[in-house]
């Protein structure tokens, strides 16, 4: 769901990067 907020990782290829920007993805 956070993919929309993360244009850099639309395919969620890098969960670590997405989690670093959002912080909630990791949780």
PDB file of N, CA and C in Angstrom:
ATOM      1  N   UNK A   1       0.846  -1.206   0.000  1.00  0.00           N
ATOM      2  CA  UNK A   1       0.000   0.000   0.000  1.00  0.00           C
ATOM      3  C   UNK A   1       0.882   1.258   0.000  1.00  0.00           C
ATOM      4  N   UNK A   2       2.019   1.178   0.654  1.00  0.00           N
ATOM      5  CA  UNK A   2       2.913   2.333   0.727  1.00  0.00           C
ATOM      6  C   UNK A   2       3.618   2.554  -0.612  1.00  0.00           C
ATOM      7  N   UNK A   3       3.487   1.576  -1.531  1.00  0.00           N
ATOM      8  CA  UNK A   3       4.156   1.707  -2.824  1.00  0.00           C
ATOM      9  C   UNK A   3       3.791   3.035  -3.491  1.00  0.00           C
ATOM     10  N   UNK A   4       2.543   3.448  -3.371  1.00  0.00           N
ATOM     11  CA  UNK A   4       2.081   4.692  -3.993  1.00  0.00           C
ATOM     12  C   UNK A   4       2.851   5.881  -3.416  1.00  0.00           C
ATOM     13  N   UNK A   5       3.219   5.803  -2.162  1.00  0.00           N
ATOM     14  CA  UNK A   5       3.932   6.901  -1.513  1.00  0.00           C
ATOM     15  C   UNK A   5       5.420   6.832  -1.847  1.00  0.00           C
ATOM     16  N   UNK A   6       5.857   5.699  -2.371  1.00  0.00           N
ATOM     17  CA  UNK A   6       7.281   5.539  -2.700  1.00  0.00           C
ATOM     18  C   UNK A   6       7.460   5.329  -4.198  1.00  0.00           C
ATOM     19  N   UNK A   7       7.590   6.425  -4.939  1.00  0.00           N
ATOM     20  CA  UNK A   7       7.752   6.358  -6.395  1.00  0.00           C
ATOM     21  C   UNK A   7       9.061   5.693  -6.786  1.00  0.00           C
ATOM     22  N   UNK A   8      10.028   5.674  -5.880  1.00  0.00           N
ATOM     23  CA  UNK A   8      11.330   5.070  -6.187  1.00  0.00           C
ATOM     24  C   UNK A   8      11.238   3.546  -6.206  1.00  0.00           C
ATOM     25  N   UNK A   9      10.305   3.004  -5.407  1.00  0.00           N
ATOM     26  CA  UNK A   9      10.168   1.540  -5.357  1.00  0.00           C
ATOM     27  C   UNK A   9       8.723   1.128  -5.582  1.00  0.00           C
ATOM     28  N   UNK A  10       8.221   1.356  -6.788  1.00  0.00           N
ATOM     29  CA  UNK A  10       6.823   1.032  -7.111  1.00  0.00           C
ATOM     30  C   UNK A  10       6.588  -0.476  -7.120  1.00  0.00           C
ATOM     31  N   UNK A  11       7.638  -1.215  -7.479  1.00  0.00           N
ATOM     32  CA  UNK A  11       7.520  -2.679  -7.537  1.00  0.00           C
ATOM     33  C   UNK A  11       7.963  -3.289  -6.214  1.00  0.00           C
ATOM     34  N   UNK A  12       8.287  -2.431  -5.250  1.00  0.00           N
ATOM     35  CA  UNK A  12       8.726  -2.934  -3.951  1.00  0.00           C
ATOM     36  C   UNK A  12       9.941  -3.844  -4.112  1.00  0.00           C
ATOM     37  N   UNK A  13      10.822  -3.487  -5.059  1.00  0.00           N
ATOM     38  CA  UNK A  13      12.019  -4.306  -5.313  1.00  0.00           C
ATOM     39  C   UNK A  13      13.016  -4.157  -4.170  1.00  0.00           C
ATOM     40  N   UNK A  14      13.002  -2.974  -3.530  1.00  0.00           N
ATOM     41  CA  UNK A  14      13.935  -2.760  -2.422  1.00  0.00           C
ATOM     42  C   UNK A  14      13.166  -2.421  -1.146  1.00  0.00           C
ATOM     43  N   UNK A  15      12.774  -3.452  -0.405  1.00  0.00           N
ATOM     44  CA  UNK A  15      12.001  -3.261   0.834  1.00  0.00           C
ATOM     45  C   UNK A  15      12.786  -2.456   1.866  1.00  0.00           C
ATOM     46  N   UNK A  16      14.114  -2.602   1.856  1.00  0.00           N
ATOM     47  CA  UNK A  16      14.944  -1.887   2.829  1.00  0.00           C
ATOM     48  C   UNK A  16      14.902  -0.382   2.552  1.00  0.00           C
ATOM     49  N   UNK A  17      14.968  -0.012   1.281  1.00  0.00           N
ATOM     50  CA  UNK A  17      14.952   1.406   0.913  1.00  0.00           C
ATOM     51  C   UNK A  17      13.590   2.010   1.227  1.00  0.00           C
ATOM     52  N   UNK A  18      12.545   1.288   0.859  1.00  0.00           N
ATOM     53  CA  UNK A  18      11.182   1.775   1.093  1.00  0.00           C
ATOM     54  C   UNK A  18      10.943   1.923   2.591  1.00  0.00           C
ATOM     55  N   UNK A  19      11.460   0.977   3.361  1.00  0.00           N
ATOM     56  CA  UNK A  19      11.262   1.006   4.810  1.00  0.00           C
ATOM     57  C   UNK A  19      12.032   2.184   5.404  1.00  0.00           C
ATOM     58  N   UNK A  20      13.172   2.504   4.815  1.00  0.00           N
ATOM     59  CA  UNK A  20      13.982   3.609   5.326  1.00  0.00           C
ATOM     60  C   UNK A  20      13.272   4.938   5.119  1.00  0.00           C
ATOM     61  N   UNK A  21      12.590   5.068   3.983  1.00  0.00           N
ATOM     62  CA  UNK A  21      11.901   6.334   3.711  1.00  0.00           C
ATOM     63  C   UNK A  21      10.606   6.436   4.510  1.00  0.00           C
ATOM     64  N   UNK A  22       9.850   5.354   4.531  1.00  0.00           N
ATOM     65  CA  UNK A  22       8.560   5.376   5.237  1.00  0.00           C
ATOM     66  C   UNK A  22       8.758   5.029   6.711  1.00  0.00           C
ATOM     67  N   UNK A  23       9.515   3.971   6.967  1.00  0.00           N
ATOM     68  CA  UNK A  23       9.722   3.566   8.354  1.00  0.00           C
ATOM     69  C   UNK A  23       8.607   2.638   8.809  1.00  0.00           C
ATOM     70  N   UNK A  24       7.441   2.767   8.185  1.00  0.00           N
ATOM     71  CA  UNK A  24       6.302   1.918   8.579  1.00  0.00           C
ATOM     72  C   UNK A  24       6.312   0.621   7.767  1.00  0.00           C
ATOM     73  N   UNK A  25       6.942   0.675   6.598  1.00  0.00           N
ATOM     74  CA  UNK A  25       6.971  -0.514   5.744  1.00  0.00           C
ATOM     75  C   UNK A  25       7.696  -1.650   6.471  1.00  0.00           C
ATOM     76  N   UNK A  26       8.744  -1.294   7.195  1.00  0.00           N
ATOM     77  CA  UNK A  26       9.525  -2.305   7.914  1.00  0.00           C
ATOM     78  C   UNK A  26       8.647  -2.991   8.948  1.00  0.00           C
ATOM     79  N   UNK A  27       7.810  -2.190   9.596  1.00  0.00           N
ATOM     80  CA  UNK A  27       6.945  -2.761  10.630  1.00  0.00           C
ATOM     81  C   UNK A  27       5.781  -3.456   9.950  1.00  0.00           C
TER      82      UNK A  27
END
